[in-house]
């Protein structure tokens, strides 16, 4: 079983599926990358092809450990600290840790992730298809993800934390800005309507004895954009 990890751009990602219903998870969840770019060698000399990593059939999450502690010889260290929710964005696998808060290790790990003391992760996977590369490692073509670990330093340099999801405060600020933009747009529309209304009546010199020149008998008075169009049309078709 291989371990892996990865470094990130600051980007606001969409909410991972079903994260809002996690019990006791009032705050927005952090987001981690899981793999390096396909051309990048990790610290073990391995590379993972784009799209190589997959979940076991029917799963949306895998066990979450502190530093691959399932390998710890002591039974107390082999329990997961939660679940790792996995999803893909733009073909890239991402992860949000869902700590269960049961036991000191889970609570401590969650607190250190929240404080950003721990901002890297590592993956445990089963290699399904691979070939040797010139770095003494292997180029993985297909792999099944079996676990994710929060860790201090992972094998994959890019397996690190991205910008967290939007907080309630950020969401509120977004809605306030949207309301302000809508109000400004309405004001602009009202101003344009006022300008159109001023342009709509034809000037005295464009009128003939029977009414506005260019207006067919029985035509209804024009309004809005139609008024502007008829006004300029009357200037073009005016008799001399």
Protein backbone atom coordinates (compact mmCIF):
# COMPACT_ATOMS: atom_id res chain seq x y z
CA UNK A 1 0.00 0.00 0.00
CA UNK A 2 1.35 3.41 -1.00
CA UNK A 3 1.06 6.67 0.83
CA UNK A 4 0.68 10.01 -0.93
CA UNK A 5 0.17 13.80 -0.55
CA UNK A 6 -0.03 17.40 -2.44
CA UNK A 7 0.54 21.73 -2.52
CA UNK A 8 -2.28 24.10 -3.45
CA UNK A 9 -3.63 27.27 -4.94
CA UNK A 10 -5.95 29.39 -2.83
CA UNK A 11 -9.35 28.88 -4.37
CA UNK A 12 -12.91 28.91 -3.09
CA UNK A 13 -14.37 25.54 -4.00
CA UNK A 14 -17.98 24.51 -4.05
CA UNK A 15 -19.42 22.65 -1.09
CA UNK A 16 -18.63 18.93 -1.11
CA UNK A 17 -21.71 16.71 -1.33
CA UNK A 18 -23.79 16.37 1.84
CA UNK A 19 -21.32 18.19 4.07
CA UNK A 20 -23.97 20.46 5.55
CA UNK A 21 -25.67 17.54 7.33
CA UNK A 22 -22.62 16.36 9.29
CA UNK A 23 -23.58 16.19 13.00
CA UNK A 24 -21.73 18.74 15.13
CA UNK A 25 -20.07 20.29 12.09
CA UNK A 26 -21.37 23.85 12.34
CA UNK A 27 -18.38 25.45 10.65
CA UNK A 28 -17.42 25.22 7.01
CA UNK A 29 -15.22 22.23 6.24
CA UNK A 30 -11.63 22.53 5.08
CA UNK A 31 -10.72 21.18 1.64
CA UNK A 32 -7.57 19.21 0.80
CA UNK A 33 -6.04 18.12 -2.46
CA UNK A 34 -5.12 14.44 -2.62
CA UNK A 35 -2.66 14.02 -5.50
CA UNK A 36 0.12 15.81 -7.38
CA UNK A 37 -0.14 16.93 -11.01
CA UNK A 38 0.37 13.88 -13.29
CA UNK A 39 3.84 14.98 -14.41
CA UNK A 40 5.12 15.57 -10.87
CA UNK A 41 7.16 12.97 -8.93
CA UNK A 42 6.34 12.63 -5.24
CA UNK A 43 8.88 12.16 -2.45
CA UNK A 44 8.93 8.41 -3.09
CA UNK A 45 9.67 8.86 -6.80
CA UNK A 46 6.12 7.87 -7.80
CA UNK A 47 3.70 9.60 -10.14
CA UNK A 48 -0.05 9.18 -10.48
CA UNK A 49 -1.72 9.57 -13.86
CA UNK A 50 -4.69 11.92 -14.24
CA UNK A 51 -7.88 10.11 -13.29
CA UNK A 52 -5.98 7.14 -11.86
CA UNK A 53 -7.40 7.42 -8.33
CA UNK A 54 -10.86 5.97 -7.77
CA UNK A 55 -13.12 5.16 -4.84
CA UNK A 56 -14.30 1.66 -4.03
CA UNK A 57 -17.62 1.03 -5.82
CA UNK A 58 -20.59 2.67 -4.11
CA UNK A 59 -18.54 4.73 -1.63
CA UNK A 60 -18.37 8.50 -1.23
CA UNK A 61 -15.97 8.49 1.73
CA UNK A 62 -13.16 6.42 3.26
CA UNK A 63 -11.70 6.11 6.78
CA UNK A 64 -9.80 9.15 8.02
CA UNK A 65 -6.72 8.54 10.20
CA UNK A 66 -4.10 10.57 11.97
CA UNK A 67 -0.79 9.82 10.22
CA UNK A 68 -1.81 6.35 8.96
CA UNK A 69 -2.32 5.25 12.56
CA UNK A 70 -4.07 2.08 11.43
CA UNK A 71 -0.51 0.81 11.04
CA UNK A 72 0.23 1.57 14.70
CA UNK A 73 1.06 -1.65 16.61
CA UNK A 74 -1.00 -0.43 19.56
CA UNK A 75 -4.71 -1.14 19.18
CA UNK A 76 -5.64 2.27 20.62
CA UNK A 77 -3.94 3.97 17.68
CA UNK A 78 -5.63 1.94 14.98
CA UNK A 79 -9.04 3.56 15.22
CA UNK A 80 -10.01 6.12 12.55
CA UNK A 81 -10.57 9.69 13.74
CA UNK A 82 -13.47 10.16 11.32
CA UNK A 83 -14.34 9.86 7.63
CA UNK A 84 -12.79 11.53 4.60
CA UNK A 85 -15.50 12.80 2.21
CA UNK A 86 -14.21 12.51 -1.37
CA UNK A 87 -15.41 14.26 -4.51
CA UNK A 88 -14.00 15.40 -7.84
CA UNK A 89 -13.84 18.91 -9.27
CA UNK A 90 -12.45 19.41 -12.76
CA UNK A 91 -11.26 15.80 -12.69
CA UNK A 92 -9.22 16.42 -9.53
CA UNK A 93 -9.89 14.42 -6.35
CA UNK A 94 -10.55 16.58 -3.28
CA UNK A 95 -11.22 15.70 0.34
CA UNK A 96 -12.90 17.21 3.39
CA UNK A 97 -12.18 15.64 6.80
CA UNK A 98 -15.23 14.79 8.91
CA UNK A 99 -13.89 14.26 12.45
CA UNK A 100 -16.14 12.21 14.72
CA UNK A 101 -14.81 13.90 17.89
CA UNK A 102 -14.70 10.57 19.70
CA UNK A 103 -11.57 10.24 21.78
CA UNK A 104 -8.60 12.49 22.42
CA UNK A 105 -6.82 11.76 19.12
CA UNK A 106 -9.81 12.77 16.98
CA UNK A 107 -10.43 15.92 19.02
CA UNK A 108 -6.76 16.91 19.01
CA UNK A 109 -6.36 16.27 15.28
CA UNK A 110 -9.50 18.27 14.48
CA UNK A 111 -8.30 21.17 16.64
CA UNK A 112 -4.91 21.24 14.94
CA UNK A 113 -6.51 21.17 11.47
CA UNK A 114 -8.78 24.04 12.51
CA UNK A 115 -5.76 25.98 13.77
CA UNK A 116 -3.94 25.14 10.48
CA UNK A 117 -1.08 23.58 12.45
CA UNK A 118 -1.76 20.48 10.36
CA UNK A 119 -2.38 21.36 6.71
CA UNK A 120 -1.18 18.27 4.81
CA UNK A 121 -2.70 14.90 4.07
CA UNK A 122 -1.61 11.54 2.70
CA UNK A 123 -3.48 8.76 0.95
CA UNK A 124 -3.40 4.99 1.31
CA UNK A 125 -4.27 3.20 -1.92
CA UNK A 126 -4.12 -0.17 -3.63
CA UNK A 127 -2.22 -0.08 -6.91
CA UNK A 128 -4.26 -1.76 -9.63
CA UNK A 129 -2.05 -0.89 -12.60
CA UNK A 130 1.43 0.69 -12.75
CA UNK A 131 4.78 0.60 -14.53
CA UNK A 132 8.34 1.43 -13.34
CA UNK A 133 9.68 4.91 -14.03
CA UNK A 134 13.17 6.40 -14.35
CA UNK A 135 13.19 7.67 -10.74
CA UNK A 136 13.08 4.18 -9.26
CA UNK A 137 9.40 4.54 -8.40
CA UNK A 138 6.30 3.71 -10.37
CA UNK A 139 3.85 5.52 -12.61
CA UNK A 140 0.44 4.57 -11.28
CA UNK A 141 -2.23 4.16 -13.97
CA UNK A 142 -5.07 2.90 -11.77
CA UNK A 143 -5.44 2.87 -7.99
CA UNK A 144 -8.22 2.35 -5.45
CA UNK A 145 -8.33 4.79 -2.55
CA UNK A 146 -8.73 2.97 0.79
CA UNK A 147 -7.92 5.67 3.37
CA UNK A 148 -6.81 9.27 3.89
CA UNK A 149 -4.62 10.52 6.72
CA UNK A 150 -4.05 13.95 8.16
CA UNK A 151 -0.29 14.22 8.53
CA UNK A 152 2.57 16.62 9.12
CA UNK A 153 4.43 15.88 5.88
CA UNK A 154 2.96 13.72 3.13
CA UNK A 155 4.65 11.90 0.28
CA UNK A 156 2.89 14.09 -2.27
CA UNK A 157 3.92 17.73 -1.99
CA UNK A 158 0.63 19.01 -3.35
CA UNK A 159 -1.56 17.10 -0.90
CA UNK A 160 -2.26 20.13 1.22
CA UNK A 161 -5.14 22.22 2.40
CA UNK A 162 -6.89 24.59 0.04
CA UNK A 163 -8.89 27.64 1.01
CA UNK A 164 -11.82 26.66 3.23
CA UNK A 165 -15.43 26.81 2.16
CA UNK A 166 -17.23 30.11 2.43
CA UNK A 167 -18.09 31.01 6.02
CA UNK A 168 -21.57 32.28 6.99
CA UNK A 169 -20.07 35.78 7.23
CA UNK A 170 -18.68 35.53 3.69
CA UNK A 171 -22.03 34.28 2.41
CA UNK A 172 -23.81 37.20 4.12
CA UNK A 173 -21.35 39.68 2.60
CA UNK A 174 -21.96 38.16 -0.83
CA UNK A 175 -25.72 38.57 -0.50
CA UNK A 176 -25.34 42.15 0.76
CA UNK A 177 -23.15 42.98 -2.24
CA UNK A 178 -25.69 41.34 -4.56
CA UNK A 179 -28.49 43.47 -3.04
CA UNK A 180 -26.38 46.60 -3.50
CA UNK A 181 -25.65 45.68 -7.14
CA UNK A 182 -29.35 45.05 -7.81
CA UNK A 183 -30.28 48.43 -6.31
CA UNK A 184 -27.68 50.17 -8.48
CA UNK A 185 -28.95 48.34 -11.56
CA UNK A 186 -32.53 49.40 -10.82
CA UNK A 187 -31.41 53.02 -10.47
CA UNK A 188 -29.64 52.82 -13.84
CA UNK A 189 -32.75 51.34 -15.47
CA UNK A 190 -34.90 54.15 -14.05
CA UNK A 191 -32.42 56.71 -15.39
CA UNK A 192 -32.49 55.13 -18.87
CA UNK A 193 -36.31 55.09 -18.83
CA UNK A 194 -36.33 58.79 -17.96
CA UNK A 195 -33.99 59.53 -20.88
CA UNK A 196 -36.21 57.49 -23.22
CA UNK A 197 -39.28 59.36 -22.03
CA UNK A 198 -37.62 62.67 -22.87
CA UNK A 199 -36.72 61.47 -26.37
CA UNK A 200 -40.15 59.97 -27.12
CA UNK A 201 -42.21 63.15 -28.00
CA UNK A 202 -41.45 64.39 -31.54
CA UNK A 203 -40.26 68.01 -31.89
CA UNK A 204 -42.60 70.67 -33.28
CA UNK A 205 -40.88 70.82 -36.66
CA UNK A 206 -41.44 67.11 -37.29
CA UNK A 207 -45.20 67.44 -36.84
CA UNK A 208 -47.54 67.97 -39.76
CA UNK A 209 -51.07 69.28 -39.81
CA UNK A 210 -52.53 65.81 -39.37
CA UNK A 211 -50.27 64.89 -36.45
CA UNK A 212 -46.74 63.42 -36.24
CA UNK A 213 -45.17 62.87 -39.63
CA UNK A 214 -44.46 59.22 -40.37
CA UNK A 215 -47.20 57.99 -38.02
CA UNK A 216 -49.72 55.89 -39.89
CA UNK A 217 -53.40 56.48 -39.31
CA UNK A 218 -54.66 54.22 -36.56
CA UNK A 219 -51.17 53.62 -35.08
CA UNK A 220 -51.21 53.47 -31.29
CA UNK A 221 -48.93 55.91 -29.45
CA UNK A 222 -45.46 54.41 -29.17
CA UNK A 223 -43.86 53.82 -25.80
CA UNK A 224 -40.37 53.03 -24.54
CA UNK A 225 -37.98 51.66 -27.18
CA UNK A 226 -40.73 51.81 -29.85
CA UNK A 227 -41.04 55.54 -29.25
CA UNK A 228 -37.32 56.07 -29.73
CA UNK A 229 -37.33 53.96 -32.91
CA UNK A 230 -40.30 55.84 -34.42
CA UNK A 231 -38.79 59.18 -33.51
CA UNK A 232 -35.55 58.53 -35.35
CA UNK A 233 -37.41 56.89 -38.24
CA UNK A 234 -39.48 60.06 -38.63
CA UNK A 235 -36.31 62.12 -38.95
CA UNK A 236 -35.01 59.85 -41.69
CA UNK A 237 -38.29 59.65 -43.66
CA UNK A 238 -39.29 63.31 -43.16
CA UNK A 239 -40.66 64.92 -46.34
CA UNK A 240 -38.87 67.98 -47.70
